[in-house]
Amino acid sequence: MPEAYKLEARPVLFAEGKFEGELKAVTFVAASPNDLKSWSAINCGQFARFFRDYVPSDLADGMVGALRMGQCVTFPGTYTSSDFGSRFVYVHNGIPVT
């Protein structure tokens, strides 16, 4: 049976400059009783679209709104490592942008 992970998204906001306070990236943390995975993805406007693959649209939009306000969000339910294939990373011309 595949390992079951809880998934959390932690915002990284710009600390200064023109975009101060805006969402720069998200660090994802997937935790199971036996494993911990984490990765980061820069904000290219992809999060709501990717989140909708896992949760209803209104919840996805609310989660992205919370991230933009600097709040951590936890995805409902559990996931397997195969669910992280896209890793919520924006891909441009076939190359992941991280």
C-alpha atoms as a PDB file:
ATOM      1  CA  MET A   1       0.000   0.000   0.000  1.00  0.00           C
ATOM      2  CA  PRO A   2       1.396   3.446  -0.923  1.00  0.00           C
ATOM      3  CA  GLU A   3       2.532   5.797   1.825  1.00  0.00           C
ATOM      4  CA  ALA A   4      -0.147   8.385   2.801  1.00  0.00           C
ATOM      5  CA  TYR A   5       1.074  11.982   3.115  1.00  0.00           C
ATOM      6  CA  LYS A   6      -0.507  15.106   4.586  1.00  0.00           C
ATOM      7  CA  LEU A   7       0.316  18.116   2.402  1.00  0.00           C
ATOM      8  CA  GLU A   8       0.965  21.653   3.606  1.00  0.00           C
ATOM      9  CA  ALA A   9       1.809  24.785   1.616  1.00  0.00           C
ATOM     10  CA  ARG A  10       3.887  27.525   3.259  1.00  0.00           C
ATOM     11  CA  PRO A  11       4.084  30.962   1.625  1.00  0.00           C
ATOM     12  CA  VAL A  12       7.298  32.841   0.907  1.00  0.00           C
ATOM     13  CA  LEU A  13       6.594  36.565   0.527  1.00  0.00           C
ATOM     14  CA  PHE A  14       8.861  39.208  -0.949  1.00  0.00           C
ATOM     15  CA  ALA A  15      10.540  40.922   2.021  1.00  0.00           C
ATOM     16  CA  GLU A  16      11.368  44.186   0.277  1.00  0.00           C
ATOM     17  CA  GLY A  17      11.357  46.043  -2.992  1.00  0.00           C
ATOM     18  CA  LYS A  18       8.667  46.701  -5.552  1.00  0.00           C
ATOM     19  CA  PHE A  19       6.775  43.487  -4.715  1.00  0.00           C
ATOM     20  CA  GLU A  20       7.163  43.618  -0.929  1.00  0.00           C
ATOM     21  CA  GLY A  21       4.488  41.539   0.787  1.00  0.00           C
ATOM     22  CA  GLU A  22       3.429  39.706  -2.383  1.00  0.00           C
ATOM     23  CA  LEU A  23       3.646  35.944  -2.858  1.00  0.00           C
ATOM     24  CA  LYS A  24       7.097  35.054  -4.185  1.00  0.00           C
ATOM     25  CA  ALA A  25       7.011  31.265  -3.829  1.00  0.00           C
ATOM     26  CA  VAL A  26       5.500  28.398  -1.902  1.00  0.00           C
ATOM     27  CA  THR A  27       7.304  25.702   0.036  1.00  0.00           C
ATOM     28  CA  PHE A  28       5.380  22.444   0.021  1.00  0.00           C
ATOM     29  CA  VAL A  29       5.818  19.927   2.816  1.00  0.00           C
ATOM     30  CA  ALA A  30       4.456  16.390   2.490  1.00  0.00           C
ATOM     31  CA  ALA A  31       4.661  14.365   5.702  1.00  0.00           C
ATOM     32  CA  SER A  32       3.866  10.744   6.440  1.00  0.00           C
ATOM     33  CA  PRO A  33       4.646   8.717   9.547  1.00  0.00           C
ATOM     34  CA  ASN A  34       7.799   7.416   7.816  1.00  0.00           C
ATOM     35  CA  ASP A  35       8.858  10.144   5.401  1.00  0.00           C
ATOM     36  CA  LEU A  36       9.115  13.887   4.860  1.00  0.00           C
ATOM     37  CA  LYS A  37       9.354  15.546   1.460  1.00  0.00           C
ATOM     38  CA  SER A  38       9.652  19.261   0.750  1.00  0.00           C
ATOM     39  CA  TRP A  39      10.133  21.386  -2.339  1.00  0.00           C
ATOM     40  CA  SER A  40       9.653  24.974  -3.418  1.00  0.00           C
ATOM     41  CA  ALA A  41       7.912  26.473  -6.404  1.00  0.00           C
ATOM     42  CA  ILE A  42       8.043  30.093  -7.503  1.00  0.00           C
ATOM     43  CA  ASN A  43       4.776  31.912  -8.068  1.00  0.00           C
ATOM     44  CA  CYS A  44       4.023  32.098 -11.778  1.00  0.00           C
ATOM     45  CA  GLY A  45       0.253  32.186 -11.251  1.00  0.00           C
ATOM     46  CA  GLN A  46      -0.038  28.394 -11.422  1.00  0.00           C
ATOM     47  CA  PHE A  47      -1.099  27.544  -7.887  1.00  0.00           C
ATOM     48  CA  ALA A  48      -4.887  27.922  -8.163  1.00  0.00           C
ATOM     49  CA  ARG A  49      -4.917  25.874 -11.380  1.00  0.00           C
ATOM     50  CA  PHE A  50      -2.832  23.083  -9.842  1.00  0.00           C
ATOM     51  CA  PHE A  51      -4.690  23.144  -6.525  1.00  0.00           C
ATOM     52  CA  ARG A  52      -7.962  22.568  -8.424  1.00  0.00           C
ATOM     53  CA  ASP A  53      -6.628  19.135  -9.381  1.00  0.00           C
ATOM     54  CA  TYR A  54      -6.824  18.222  -5.679  1.00  0.00           C
ATOM     55  CA  VAL A  55      -9.617  20.315  -4.157  1.00  0.00           C
ATOM     56  CA  PRO A  56     -12.802  22.080  -5.368  1.00  0.00           C
ATOM     57  CA  SER A  57     -12.305  25.421  -7.160  1.00  0.00           C
ATOM     58  CA  ASP A  58     -13.655  27.604  -4.361  1.00  0.00           C
ATOM     59  CA  LEU A  59     -11.384  25.930  -1.820  1.00  0.00           C
ATOM     60  CA  ALA A  60      -8.381  26.200  -4.184  1.00  0.00           C
ATOM     61  CA  ASP A  61      -9.018  29.926  -4.648  1.00  0.00           C
ATOM     62  CA  GLY A  62      -9.359  30.404  -0.879  1.00  0.00           C
ATOM     63  CA  MET A  63      -6.129  28.531  -0.234  1.00  0.00           C
ATOM     64  CA  VAL A  64      -4.230  30.709  -2.714  1.00  0.00           C
ATOM     65  CA  GLY A  65      -5.781  33.811  -1.131  1.00  0.00           C
ATOM     66  CA  ALA A  66      -4.568  32.674   2.292  1.00  0.00           C
ATOM     67  CA  LEU A  67      -1.057  32.056   0.917  1.00  0.00           C
ATOM     68  CA  ARG A  68      -1.045  35.575  -0.548  1.00  0.00           C
ATOM     69  CA  MET A  69      -1.814  36.891   2.940  1.00  0.00           C
ATOM     70  CA  GLY A  70       1.134  34.971   4.374  1.00  0.00           C
ATOM     71  CA  GLN A  71      -0.840  32.091   5.909  1.00  0.00           C
ATOM     72  CA  CYS A  72       0.106  28.412   5.711  1.00  0.00           C
ATOM     73  CA  VAL A  73      -2.554  26.093   4.306  1.00  0.00           C
ATOM     74  CA  THR A  74      -3.118  22.368   4.697  1.00  0.00           C
ATOM     75  CA  PHE A  75      -4.714  20.319   1.944  1.00  0.00           C
ATOM     76  CA  PRO A  76      -7.621  18.147   3.093  1.00  0.00           C
ATOM     77  CA  GLY A  77      -7.162  14.390   2.996  1.00  0.00           C
ATOM     78  CA  THR A  78      -4.025  12.430   2.268  1.00  0.00           C
ATOM     79  CA  TYR A  79      -1.942  11.949  -0.855  1.00  0.00           C
ATOM     80  CA  THR A  80       0.580   9.491  -2.274  1.00  0.00           C
ATOM     81  CA  SER A  81       3.987  10.382  -3.671  1.00  0.00           C
ATOM     82  CA  SER A  82       2.611   9.904  -7.205  1.00  0.00           C
ATOM     83  CA  ASP A  83       0.291  12.879  -6.540  1.00  0.00           C
ATOM     84  CA  PHE A  84       3.361  15.121  -6.372  1.00  0.00           C
ATOM     85  CA  GLY A  85       4.497  14.335  -9.925  1.00  0.00           C
ATOM     86  CA  SER A  86       3.920  17.887 -11.173  1.00  0.00           C
ATOM     87  CA  ARG A  87       5.074  19.162  -7.799  1.00  0.00           C
ATOM     88  CA  PHE A  88       2.980  22.296  -8.467  1.00  0.00           C
ATOM     89  CA  VAL A  89       5.950  23.717 -10.378  1.00  0.00           C
ATOM     90  CA  TYR A  90       5.421  25.968 -13.385  1.00  0.00           C
ATOM     91  CA  VAL A  91       6.911  24.481 -16.563  1.00  0.00           C
ATOM     92  CA  HIS A  92       8.034  26.826 -19.350  1.00  0.00           C
ATOM     93  CA  ASN A  93       9.126  25.352 -22.690  1.00  0.00           C
ATOM     94  CA  GLY A  94       9.365  21.935 -21.047  1.00  0.00           C
ATOM     95  CA  ILE A  95      11.682  23.182 -18.270  1.00  0.00           C
ATOM     96  CA  PRO A  96      10.486  23.408 -14.640  1.00  0.00           C
ATOM     97  CA  VAL A  97      10.863  26.945 -13.292  1.00  0.00           C
ATOM     98  CA  THR A  98      11.957  26.803  -9.650  1.00  0.00           C
END
